[in-house]
Amino acid sequence: MPPTRPFGYPLDVTDRFRERTQQAFGARVLPEPPARGAMLDSQGDVRNHVIFGAVCEVYRTAYLTAAYADVIDLNVLRLKDTATGLEEDAQRIEGKITSLQQTCDALAATVQQMVSFLGVLVPGWTTRQEVELGDEMGISMPSAAELELNVVFETERQVPGFGHEDVITITPLAGTLVKRGSIVTVVLNLEG
């Protein structure tokens, strides 16, 4: 079912044609009901009021059509303004995201410089080999030598749950920020 419109629609939406229509036809802008009864005069011609009514109907229809077109134009302009506004918002947001990314990158670089200047984080080594050589790739678990840490090894024998030369404890704890050249105590398990 199509939506119902108020009595004055579309002239209640657009002011462009309302004044002209009201001047020409008074407050009522909807078409008058068709004339009924005798429409010819005694000579067989169409009566003047019928002709006038038909002309008024044409004018009303023309004004209403123009008003509908104006409503369409207003909606198109509103949509364009909305689209332009959304595009401008998207550009602003994109600019802010880029700015935030640059700020985060700069902060990460600063933190990295501070860490390398001030000290290093003690890795979470799990074996003697990682302490001495780093992990296989040498990326996530650098060796003690790469970090300029002085390692003191201590040993315990046959600790349950640990293999031969597995790291039992690290002091200071893994993840602690220490100066380069610091002493790190690593307790290893020995089998046999």
N, C-alpha and C. Protein backbone atom coordinates (compact mmCIF):
# COMPACT_ATOMS: atom_id res chain seq x y z
N MET A 1 0.86 -1.19 0.00
CA MET A 1 0.00 0.00 0.00
C MET A 1 0.90 1.24 0.00
N PRO A 2 0.67 2.17 -0.95
CA PRO A 2 1.52 3.36 -1.02
C PRO A 2 1.32 4.24 0.21
N PRO A 3 2.36 4.99 0.59
CA PRO A 3 2.23 5.84 1.77
C PRO A 3 1.21 6.95 1.52
N THR A 4 0.48 7.31 2.55
CA THR A 4 -0.50 8.40 2.42
C THR A 4 0.23 9.72 2.62
N ARG A 5 -0.17 10.69 1.85
CA ARG A 5 0.45 12.01 1.92
C ARG A 5 -0.54 12.98 2.54
N PRO A 6 -0.03 14.01 3.21
CA PRO A 6 -0.94 15.02 3.76
C PRO A 6 -1.66 15.76 2.64
N PHE A 7 -2.72 16.46 3.01
CA PHE A 7 -3.59 17.14 2.04
C PHE A 7 -2.80 18.05 1.10
N GLY A 8 -1.87 18.83 1.61
CA GLY A 8 -1.18 19.83 0.79
C GLY A 8 0.08 19.33 0.11
N TYR A 9 0.37 18.04 0.17
CA TYR A 9 1.61 17.52 -0.42
C TYR A 9 1.55 17.63 -1.93
N PRO A 10 2.57 18.03 -2.62
CA PRO A 10 3.93 18.32 -2.16
C PRO A 10 4.15 19.79 -1.82
N LEU A 11 3.09 20.59 -1.88
CA LEU A 11 3.26 22.03 -1.64
C LEU A 11 3.57 22.34 -0.19
N ASP A 12 3.36 21.35 0.72
CA ASP A 12 3.75 21.57 2.11
C ASP A 12 5.24 21.33 2.31
N VAL A 13 5.90 20.72 1.30
CA VAL A 13 7.33 20.44 1.39
C VAL A 13 8.14 21.53 0.69
N THR A 14 7.67 21.99 -0.44
CA THR A 14 8.40 22.99 -1.21
C THR A 14 7.60 24.29 -1.25
N ASP A 15 8.27 25.39 -0.96
CA ASP A 15 7.61 26.70 -0.98
C ASP A 15 7.61 27.32 -2.36
N ARG A 16 8.35 26.73 -3.25
CA ARG A 16 8.57 27.36 -4.55
C ARG A 16 7.28 27.61 -5.32
N PHE A 17 6.33 26.68 -5.27
CA PHE A 17 5.10 26.82 -6.06
C PHE A 17 3.85 27.06 -5.22
N ARG A 18 4.00 27.05 -3.91
CA ARG A 18 2.84 27.19 -3.04
C ARG A 18 2.15 28.55 -3.24
N GLU A 19 2.94 29.61 -3.23
CA GLU A 19 2.37 30.95 -3.31
C GLU A 19 1.64 31.16 -4.63
N ARG A 20 2.26 30.77 -5.75
CA ARG A 20 1.62 30.93 -7.06
C ARG A 20 0.32 30.14 -7.13
N THR A 21 0.37 28.92 -6.63
CA THR A 21 -0.82 28.07 -6.69
C THR A 21 -1.95 28.67 -5.87
N GLN A 22 -1.62 29.16 -4.68
CA GLN A 22 -2.66 29.74 -3.83
C GLN A 22 -3.20 31.03 -4.44
N GLN A 23 -2.35 31.81 -5.08
CA GLN A 23 -2.84 33.03 -5.71
C GLN A 23 -3.79 32.69 -6.86
N ALA A 24 -3.44 31.68 -7.62
CA ALA A 24 -4.25 31.35 -8.78
C ALA A 24 -5.55 30.65 -8.39
N PHE A 25 -5.50 29.79 -7.36
CA PHE A 25 -6.66 28.94 -7.09
C PHE A 25 -7.17 29.00 -5.66
N GLY A 26 -6.63 29.89 -4.87
CA GLY A 26 -7.04 29.93 -3.48
C GLY A 26 -6.29 28.84 -2.70
N ALA A 27 -6.71 28.61 -1.49
CA ALA A 27 -6.01 27.68 -0.61
C ALA A 27 -6.10 26.24 -1.11
N ARG A 28 -7.17 25.91 -1.80
CA ARG A 28 -7.34 24.52 -2.26
C ARG A 28 -6.57 24.30 -3.54
N VAL A 29 -5.63 23.35 -3.52
CA VAL A 29 -4.81 23.10 -4.69
C VAL A 29 -5.11 21.77 -5.33
N LEU A 30 -5.83 20.91 -4.66
CA LEU A 30 -6.16 19.64 -5.28
C LEU A 30 -7.26 19.86 -6.31
N PRO A 31 -7.31 19.02 -7.33
CA PRO A 31 -8.31 19.22 -8.39
C PRO A 31 -9.74 19.15 -7.85
N GLU A 32 -10.59 19.98 -8.43
CA GLU A 32 -12.01 19.94 -8.09
C GLU A 32 -12.60 18.66 -8.68
N PRO A 33 -13.66 18.15 -8.09
CA PRO A 33 -14.29 16.97 -8.69
C PRO A 33 -14.82 17.33 -10.08
N PRO A 34 -14.84 16.37 -11.00
CA PRO A 34 -15.31 16.67 -12.36
C PRO A 34 -16.75 17.20 -12.35
N ALA A 35 -17.04 18.09 -13.31
CA ALA A 35 -18.39 18.66 -13.40
C ALA A 35 -19.39 17.57 -13.75
N ARG A 36 -20.57 17.68 -13.16
CA ARG A 36 -21.61 16.69 -13.43
C ARG A 36 -22.82 17.39 -14.04
N GLY A 37 -23.63 16.63 -14.63
CA GLY A 37 -24.87 17.18 -15.18
C GLY A 37 -24.64 17.79 -16.56
N ALA A 38 -25.54 18.73 -16.95
CA ALA A 38 -25.50 19.32 -18.29
C ALA A 38 -24.26 20.17 -18.46
N MET A 39 -23.47 19.90 -19.49
CA MET A 39 -22.25 20.65 -19.74
C MET A 39 -22.37 21.47 -21.02
N LEU A 40 -23.49 21.35 -21.71
CA LEU A 40 -23.66 22.12 -22.94
C LEU A 40 -24.72 23.19 -22.70
N ASP A 41 -24.52 24.34 -23.35
CA ASP A 41 -25.54 25.38 -23.23
C ASP A 41 -26.62 25.12 -24.29
N SER A 42 -27.57 26.08 -24.44
CA SER A 42 -28.70 25.86 -25.34
C SER A 42 -28.29 25.80 -26.80
N GLN A 43 -27.12 26.39 -27.14
CA GLN A 43 -26.65 26.31 -28.52
C GLN A 43 -25.79 25.06 -28.78
N GLY A 44 -25.60 24.23 -27.77
CA GLY A 44 -24.82 23.01 -27.94
C GLY A 44 -23.34 23.19 -27.68
N ASP A 45 -22.94 24.39 -27.17
CA ASP A 45 -21.52 24.62 -26.86
C ASP A 45 -21.25 24.24 -25.41
N VAL A 46 -20.01 23.93 -25.17
CA VAL A 46 -19.62 23.59 -23.79
C VAL A 46 -19.73 24.85 -22.95
N ARG A 47 -20.30 24.72 -21.77
CA ARG A 47 -20.50 25.88 -20.90
C ARG A 47 -19.14 26.45 -20.45
N ASN A 48 -19.11 27.74 -20.22
CA ASN A 48 -17.87 28.43 -19.84
C ASN A 48 -17.27 27.87 -18.55
N HIS A 49 -18.12 27.55 -17.56
CA HIS A 49 -17.57 27.09 -16.28
C HIS A 49 -16.89 25.73 -16.44
N VAL A 50 -17.35 24.93 -17.41
CA VAL A 50 -16.71 23.63 -17.65
C VAL A 50 -15.33 23.86 -18.28
N ILE A 51 -15.28 24.77 -19.26
CA ILE A 51 -13.99 25.09 -19.89
C ILE A 51 -13.04 25.67 -18.85
N PHE A 52 -13.55 26.60 -18.03
CA PHE A 52 -12.71 27.21 -16.99
C PHE A 52 -12.21 26.15 -16.01
N GLY A 53 -13.09 25.24 -15.62
CA GLY A 53 -12.68 24.16 -14.71
C GLY A 53 -11.59 23.28 -15.32
N ALA A 54 -11.71 22.99 -16.61
CA ALA A 54 -10.70 22.16 -17.28
C ALA A 54 -9.36 22.89 -17.33
N VAL A 55 -9.40 24.21 -17.64
CA VAL A 55 -8.16 25.00 -17.67
C VAL A 55 -7.53 25.04 -16.29
N CYS A 56 -8.37 25.24 -15.26
CA CYS A 56 -7.85 25.25 -13.88
C CYS A 56 -7.22 23.91 -13.54
N GLU A 57 -7.84 22.84 -13.96
CA GLU A 57 -7.31 21.50 -13.71
C GLU A 57 -5.94 21.35 -14.35
N VAL A 58 -5.78 21.85 -15.58
CA VAL A 58 -4.48 21.78 -16.25
C VAL A 58 -3.44 22.57 -15.47
N TYR A 59 -3.82 23.79 -15.02
CA TYR A 59 -2.89 24.60 -14.24
C TYR A 59 -2.52 23.91 -12.92
N ARG A 60 -3.52 23.39 -12.25
CA ARG A 60 -3.28 22.69 -10.97
C ARG A 60 -2.31 21.52 -11.20
N THR A 61 -2.59 20.75 -12.22
CA THR A 61 -1.75 19.59 -12.51
C THR A 61 -0.32 20.03 -12.84
N ALA A 62 -0.19 21.10 -13.61
CA ALA A 62 1.14 21.61 -13.97
C ALA A 62 1.89 22.08 -12.74
N TYR A 63 1.21 22.84 -11.85
CA TYR A 63 1.86 23.32 -10.63
C TYR A 63 2.24 22.16 -9.71
N LEU A 64 1.33 21.21 -9.58
CA LEU A 64 1.63 20.05 -8.73
C LEU A 64 2.79 19.24 -9.30
N THR A 65 2.83 19.08 -10.62
CA THR A 65 3.94 18.36 -11.24
C THR A 65 5.26 19.09 -10.98
N ALA A 66 5.24 20.41 -11.15
CA ALA A 66 6.45 21.20 -10.89
C ALA A 66 6.84 21.09 -9.42
N ALA A 67 5.85 21.08 -8.52
CA ALA A 67 6.15 20.96 -7.09
C ALA A 67 6.77 19.60 -6.79
N TYR A 68 6.24 18.53 -7.40
CA TYR A 68 6.84 17.20 -7.22
C TYR A 68 8.29 17.19 -7.72
N ALA A 69 8.51 17.81 -8.87
CA ALA A 69 9.87 17.88 -9.42
C ALA A 69 10.78 18.64 -8.46
N ASP A 70 10.25 19.71 -7.86
CA ASP A 70 11.03 20.48 -6.90
C ASP A 70 11.36 19.64 -5.66
N VAL A 71 10.41 18.85 -5.20
CA VAL A 71 10.66 17.96 -4.05
C VAL A 71 11.76 16.96 -4.41
N ILE A 72 11.71 16.43 -5.61
CA ILE A 72 12.75 15.50 -6.05
C ILE A 72 14.11 16.20 -6.06
N ASP A 73 14.15 17.44 -6.60
CA ASP A 73 15.41 18.20 -6.63
C ASP A 73 15.93 18.44 -5.21
N LEU A 74 15.02 18.81 -4.30
CA LEU A 74 15.44 19.05 -2.92
C LEU A 74 16.03 17.78 -2.30
N ASN A 75 15.40 16.64 -2.56
CA ASN A 75 15.91 15.38 -2.02
C ASN A 75 17.26 15.00 -2.63
N VAL A 76 17.42 15.24 -3.93
CA VAL A 76 18.70 14.96 -4.59
C VAL A 76 19.79 15.84 -3.98
N LEU A 77 19.50 17.13 -3.80
CA LEU A 77 20.48 18.03 -3.18
C LEU A 77 20.82 17.58 -1.77
N ARG A 78 19.80 17.18 -1.01
CA ARG A 78 20.02 16.70 0.36
C ARG A 78 20.92 15.46 0.35
N LEU A 79 20.67 14.55 -0.58
CA LEU A 79 21.50 13.34 -0.68
C LEU A 79 22.93 13.69 -1.08
N LYS A 80 23.08 14.65 -2.02
CA LYS A 80 24.43 15.07 -2.42
C LYS A 80 25.16 15.69 -1.23
N ASP A 81 24.45 16.55 -0.47
CA ASP A 81 25.06 17.16 0.72
C ASP A 81 25.48 16.09 1.71
N THR A 82 24.62 15.08 1.91
CA THR A 82 24.92 14.00 2.83
C THR A 82 26.13 13.22 2.34
N ALA A 83 26.16 12.90 1.05
CA ALA A 83 27.28 12.14 0.48
C ALA A 83 28.57 12.94 0.60
N THR A 84 28.50 14.24 0.31
CA THR A 84 29.68 15.09 0.42
C THR A 84 30.14 15.15 1.87
N GLY A 85 29.20 15.28 2.79
CA GLY A 85 29.54 15.30 4.20
C GLY A 85 30.19 14.00 4.64
N LEU A 86 29.64 12.87 4.16
CA LEU A 86 30.22 11.57 4.52
C LEU A 86 31.62 11.43 3.94
N GLU A 87 31.80 11.90 2.71
CA GLU A 87 33.12 11.82 2.08
C GLU A 87 34.12 12.67 2.84
N GLU A 88 33.70 13.87 3.26
CA GLU A 88 34.59 14.73 4.04
C GLU A 88 34.91 14.10 5.39
N ASP A 89 33.90 13.48 6.03
CA ASP A 89 34.13 12.79 7.30
C ASP A 89 35.12 11.65 7.11
N ALA A 90 34.95 10.88 6.03
CA ALA A 90 35.86 9.75 5.76
C ALA A 90 37.29 10.26 5.56
N GLN A 91 37.45 11.38 4.85
CA GLN A 91 38.78 11.93 4.63
C GLN A 91 39.39 12.41 5.95
N ARG A 92 38.56 13.05 6.80
CA ARG A 92 39.07 13.49 8.10
C ARG A 92 39.50 12.30 8.95
N ILE A 93 38.65 11.25 8.96
CA ILE A 93 38.98 10.05 9.75
C ILE A 93 40.24 9.40 9.21
N GLU A 94 40.35 9.31 7.89
CA GLU A 94 41.55 8.72 7.29
C GLU A 94 42.79 9.51 7.66
N GLY A 95 42.67 10.84 7.66
CA GLY A 95 43.79 11.69 8.07
C GLY A 95 44.17 11.47 9.53
N LYS A 96 43.15 11.33 10.38
CA LYS A 96 43.43 11.09 11.81
C LYS A 96 44.08 9.72 12.01
N ILE A 97 43.60 8.71 11.27
CA ILE A 97 44.20 7.38 11.38
C ILE A 97 45.65 7.41 10.95
N THR A 98 45.94 8.08 9.84
CA THR A 98 47.32 8.20 9.36
C THR A 98 48.18 8.91 10.40
N SER A 99 47.63 9.98 10.98
CA SER A 99 48.36 10.71 12.01
C SER A 99 48.63 9.84 13.23
N LEU A 100 47.60 9.06 13.64
CA LEU A 100 47.78 8.16 14.78
C LEU A 100 48.82 7.08 14.47
N GLN A 101 48.81 6.55 13.25
CA GLN A 101 49.80 5.55 12.88
C GLN A 101 51.20 6.13 12.94
N GLN A 102 51.36 7.34 12.44
CA GLN A 102 52.68 7.99 12.47
C GLN A 102 53.12 8.23 13.91
N THR A 103 52.18 8.67 14.76
CA THR A 103 52.50 8.89 16.17
C THR A 103 52.91 7.58 16.84
N CYS A 104 52.15 6.50 16.58
CA CYS A 104 52.48 5.20 17.16
C CYS A 104 53.84 4.72 16.68
N ASP A 105 54.12 4.88 15.39
CA ASP A 105 55.43 4.48 14.86
C ASP A 105 56.55 5.27 15.51
N ALA A 106 56.33 6.58 15.68
CA ALA A 106 57.35 7.42 16.31
C ALA A 106 57.55 7.02 17.77
N LEU A 107 56.44 6.74 18.48
CA LEU A 107 56.55 6.30 19.88
C LEU A 107 57.27 4.96 19.98
N ALA A 108 56.95 4.03 19.09
CA ALA A 108 57.61 2.72 19.10
C ALA A 108 59.10 2.88 18.86
N ALA A 109 59.47 3.74 17.92
CA ALA A 109 60.89 3.98 17.64
C ALA A 109 61.57 4.61 18.86
N THR A 110 60.88 5.55 19.51
CA THR A 110 61.44 6.19 20.70
C THR A 110 61.64 5.19 21.82
N VAL A 111 60.63 4.34 22.04
CA VAL A 111 60.74 3.31 23.08
C VAL A 111 61.90 2.37 22.77
N GLN A 112 62.01 1.97 21.51
CA GLN A 112 63.09 1.08 21.11
C GLN A 112 64.45 1.74 21.36
N GLN A 113 64.57 3.02 21.03
CA GLN A 113 65.82 3.75 21.28
C GLN A 113 66.11 3.83 22.77
N MET A 114 65.07 4.10 23.57
CA MET A 114 65.27 4.18 25.01
C MET A 114 65.72 2.84 25.58
N VAL A 115 65.05 1.77 25.11
CA VAL A 115 65.42 0.45 25.60
C VAL A 115 66.85 0.12 25.22
N SER A 116 67.21 0.39 23.95
CA SER A 116 68.58 0.06 23.53
C SER A 116 69.59 0.98 24.22
N PHE A 117 69.22 2.20 24.53
CA PHE A 117 70.12 3.13 25.21
C PHE A 117 70.22 2.79 26.69
N LEU A 118 69.07 2.59 27.31
CA LEU A 118 69.04 2.35 28.75
C LEU A 118 69.38 0.91 29.11
N GLY A 119 68.93 -0.02 28.31
CA GLY A 119 69.17 -1.40 28.66
C GLY A 119 68.47 -2.35 27.72
N VAL A 120 68.36 -3.58 28.17
CA VAL A 120 67.73 -4.62 27.38
C VAL A 120 66.77 -5.40 28.25
N LEU A 121 65.84 -6.09 27.59
CA LEU A 121 64.91 -6.96 28.32
C LEU A 121 65.52 -8.36 28.40
N VAL A 122 65.45 -8.93 29.58
CA VAL A 122 65.96 -10.29 29.76
C VAL A 122 65.01 -11.23 29.02
N PRO A 123 65.55 -12.03 28.08
CA PRO A 123 64.69 -12.96 27.34
C PRO A 123 64.23 -14.13 28.21
N GLY A 124 63.21 -14.81 27.73
CA GLY A 124 62.69 -16.00 28.42
C GLY A 124 63.32 -17.25 27.83
N TRP A 125 64.64 -17.36 27.92
CA TRP A 125 65.32 -18.53 27.37
C TRP A 125 64.77 -19.81 28.00
N THR A 126 64.76 -20.87 27.22
CA THR A 126 64.27 -22.16 27.75
C THR A 126 65.36 -23.23 27.78
N THR A 127 66.47 -23.00 27.06
CA THR A 127 67.58 -23.97 27.05
C THR A 127 68.91 -23.23 27.08
N ARG A 128 69.97 -23.97 27.45
CA ARG A 128 71.32 -23.39 27.46
C ARG A 128 71.70 -22.92 26.05
N GLN A 129 71.28 -23.67 25.03
CA GLN A 129 71.60 -23.31 23.65
C GLN A 129 71.01 -21.94 23.30
N GLU A 130 69.77 -21.66 23.75
CA GLU A 130 69.17 -20.34 23.48
C GLU A 130 69.94 -19.25 24.21
N VAL A 131 70.42 -19.52 25.42
CA VAL A 131 71.19 -18.52 26.15
C VAL A 131 72.46 -18.19 25.38
N GLU A 132 73.11 -19.21 24.85
CA GLU A 132 74.39 -19.01 24.19
C GLU A 132 74.28 -18.60 22.72
N LEU A 133 73.23 -19.10 22.02
CA LEU A 133 73.13 -18.85 20.58
C LEU A 133 71.88 -18.08 20.15
N GLY A 134 70.92 -17.93 21.03
CA GLY A 134 69.63 -17.34 20.68
C GLY A 134 68.72 -18.40 20.09
N ASP A 135 67.54 -18.01 19.68
CA ASP A 135 66.64 -19.00 19.07
C ASP A 135 67.14 -19.33 17.67
N GLU A 136 66.47 -20.22 17.00
CA GLU A 136 66.93 -20.68 15.68
C GLU A 136 67.09 -19.53 14.69
N MET A 137 66.16 -18.59 14.72
CA MET A 137 66.19 -17.46 13.79
C MET A 137 66.98 -16.28 14.36
N GLY A 138 67.18 -16.27 15.65
CA GLY A 138 67.89 -15.15 16.27
C GLY A 138 67.07 -13.87 16.29
N ILE A 139 65.74 -14.00 16.21
CA ILE A 139 64.89 -12.81 16.14
C ILE A 139 64.19 -12.56 17.47
N SER A 140 63.40 -13.53 17.92
CA SER A 140 62.59 -13.29 19.11
C SER A 140 63.36 -13.58 20.39
N MET A 141 64.43 -14.36 20.31
CA MET A 141 65.17 -14.74 21.50
C MET A 141 66.67 -14.56 21.23
N PRO A 142 67.18 -13.32 21.33
CA PRO A 142 68.61 -13.11 21.08
C PRO A 142 69.46 -13.77 22.17
N SER A 143 70.69 -14.03 21.83
CA SER A 143 71.60 -14.65 22.80
C SER A 143 72.04 -13.62 23.83
N ALA A 144 72.64 -14.11 24.91
CA ALA A 144 73.16 -13.23 25.96
C ALA A 144 74.26 -12.34 25.40
N ALA A 145 75.09 -12.90 24.53
CA ALA A 145 76.19 -12.12 23.94
C ALA A 145 75.65 -10.98 23.09
N GLU A 146 74.59 -11.24 22.29
CA GLU A 146 74.00 -10.18 21.45
C GLU A 146 73.45 -9.05 22.31
N LEU A 147 72.94 -9.38 23.47
CA LEU A 147 72.35 -8.38 24.37
C LEU A 147 73.38 -7.79 25.33
N GLU A 148 74.63 -8.26 25.19
CA GLU A 148 75.72 -7.79 26.06
C GLU A 148 75.43 -8.06 27.53
N LEU A 149 74.86 -9.22 27.80
CA LEU A 149 74.58 -9.64 29.18
C LEU A 149 75.64 -10.66 29.60
N ASN A 150 76.04 -10.58 30.86
CA ASN A 150 76.99 -11.54 31.42
C ASN A 150 76.20 -12.60 32.17
N VAL A 151 76.30 -13.83 31.67
CA VAL A 151 75.50 -14.92 32.24
C VAL A 151 76.36 -15.75 33.17
N VAL A 152 75.79 -16.01 34.32
CA VAL A 152 76.39 -16.93 35.29
C VAL A 152 75.49 -18.15 35.33
N PHE A 153 76.04 -19.32 34.97
CA PHE A 153 75.25 -20.55 34.99
C PHE A 153 75.38 -21.22 36.34
N GLU A 154 74.27 -21.67 36.85
CA GLU A 154 74.23 -22.53 38.04
C GLU A 154 73.49 -23.78 37.62
N THR A 155 73.71 -24.85 38.33
CA THR A 155 73.07 -26.11 37.93
C THR A 155 72.38 -26.79 39.11
N GLU A 156 71.38 -27.55 38.76
CA GLU A 156 70.70 -28.46 39.68
C GLU A 156 70.62 -29.79 38.95
N ARG A 157 70.42 -30.85 39.71
CA ARG A 157 70.42 -32.17 39.09
C ARG A 157 69.03 -32.79 39.14
N GLN A 158 68.65 -33.34 38.01
CA GLN A 158 67.45 -34.17 37.84
C GLN A 158 66.19 -33.55 38.45
N VAL A 159 65.92 -32.30 38.05
CA VAL A 159 64.69 -31.62 38.49
C VAL A 159 63.54 -32.16 37.64
N PRO A 160 62.47 -32.68 38.30
CA PRO A 160 61.35 -33.25 37.53
C PRO A 160 60.72 -32.21 36.59
N GLY A 161 60.38 -32.69 35.37
CA GLY A 161 59.71 -31.83 34.40
C GLY A 161 60.66 -31.06 33.51
N PHE A 162 61.97 -31.17 33.72
CA PHE A 162 62.95 -30.45 32.91
C PHE A 162 63.89 -31.45 32.25
N GLY A 163 64.25 -31.16 31.00
CA GLY A 163 65.21 -31.99 30.27
C GLY A 163 66.63 -31.54 30.56
N HIS A 164 67.59 -32.22 29.92
CA HIS A 164 69.00 -31.89 30.11
C HIS A 164 69.30 -30.49 29.57
N GLU A 165 69.89 -29.66 30.40
CA GLU A 165 70.28 -28.27 30.11
C GLU A 165 69.07 -27.36 29.81
N ASP A 166 67.89 -27.75 30.31
CA ASP A 166 66.74 -26.83 30.25
C ASP A 166 66.91 -25.77 31.33
N VAL A 167 66.38 -24.55 31.04
CA VAL A 167 66.46 -23.46 32.01
C VAL A 167 65.36 -23.65 33.05
N ILE A 168 65.77 -23.66 34.33
CA ILE A 168 64.80 -23.78 35.43
C ILE A 168 64.34 -22.38 35.85
N THR A 169 65.29 -21.49 36.11
CA THR A 169 64.97 -20.11 36.51
C THR A 169 65.97 -19.15 35.90
N ILE A 170 65.52 -17.90 35.78
CA ILE A 170 66.38 -16.81 35.32
C ILE A 170 66.22 -15.67 36.32
N THR A 171 67.36 -15.11 36.76
CA THR A 171 67.32 -13.99 37.70
C THR A 171 68.20 -12.89 37.14
N PRO A 172 67.69 -11.66 36.95
CA PRO A 172 66.31 -11.22 37.13
C PRO A 172 65.37 -11.92 36.14
N LEU A 173 64.09 -11.87 36.48
CA LEU A 173 63.07 -12.59 35.69
C LEU A 173 63.05 -12.14 34.23
N ALA A 174 62.64 -13.07 33.37
CA ALA A 174 62.48 -12.74 31.95
C ALA A 174 61.50 -11.57 31.81
N GLY A 175 61.84 -10.64 30.92
CA GLY A 175 61.00 -9.46 30.70
C GLY A 175 61.44 -8.26 31.52
N THR A 176 62.45 -8.45 32.41
CA THR A 176 62.95 -7.34 33.22
C THR A 176 63.91 -6.50 32.38
N LEU A 177 63.80 -5.18 32.51
CA LEU A 177 64.70 -4.27 31.81
C LEU A 177 65.97 -4.13 32.64
N VAL A 178 67.12 -4.45 32.03
CA VAL A 178 68.40 -4.35 32.73
C VAL A 178 69.40 -3.61 31.86
N LYS A 179 70.46 -3.08 32.49
CA LYS A 179 71.51 -2.39 31.74
C LYS A 179 72.33 -3.42 30.99
N ARG A 180 72.87 -3.01 29.87
CA ARG A 180 73.81 -3.87 29.16
C ARG A 180 75.01 -4.10 30.08
N GLY A 181 75.51 -5.30 30.05
CA GLY A 181 76.64 -5.64 30.90
C GLY A 181 76.21 -6.20 32.26
N SER A 182 74.90 -6.23 32.51
CA SER A 182 74.42 -6.76 33.79
C SER A 182 74.67 -8.25 33.88
N ILE A 183 74.68 -8.75 35.11
CA ILE A 183 74.83 -10.18 35.36
C ILE A 183 73.44 -10.80 35.45
N VAL A 184 73.27 -11.87 34.70
CA VAL A 184 72.01 -12.62 34.73
C VAL A 184 72.36 -14.05 35.16
N THR A 185 71.68 -14.53 36.18
CA THR A 185 71.91 -15.89 36.68
C THR A 185 70.90 -16.81 36.05
N VAL A 186 71.41 -17.88 35.41
CA VAL A 186 70.55 -18.85 34.75
C VAL A 186 70.80 -20.20 35.43
N VAL A 187 69.74 -20.80 35.98
CA VAL A 187 69.85 -22.11 36.62
C VAL A 187 69.42 -23.16 35.61
N LEU A 188 70.31 -24.12 35.35
CA LEU A 188 70.06 -25.20 34.38
C LEU A 188 69.84 -26.53 35.09
N ASN A 189 69.09 -27.40 34.46
CA ASN A 189 68.90 -28.76 34.95
C ASN A 189 69.92 -29.65 34.24
N LEU A 190 70.59 -30.54 35.01
CA LEU A 190 71.51 -31.50 34.43
C LEU A 190 71.00 -32.89 34.73
N GLU A 191 71.03 -33.74 33.73
CA GLU A 191 70.65 -35.14 33.88
C GLU A 191 71.93 -35.93 34.08
N GLY A 192 71.92 -36.83 35.06
CA GLY A 192 73.05 -37.74 35.26
C GLY A 192 74.10 -37.23 36.18
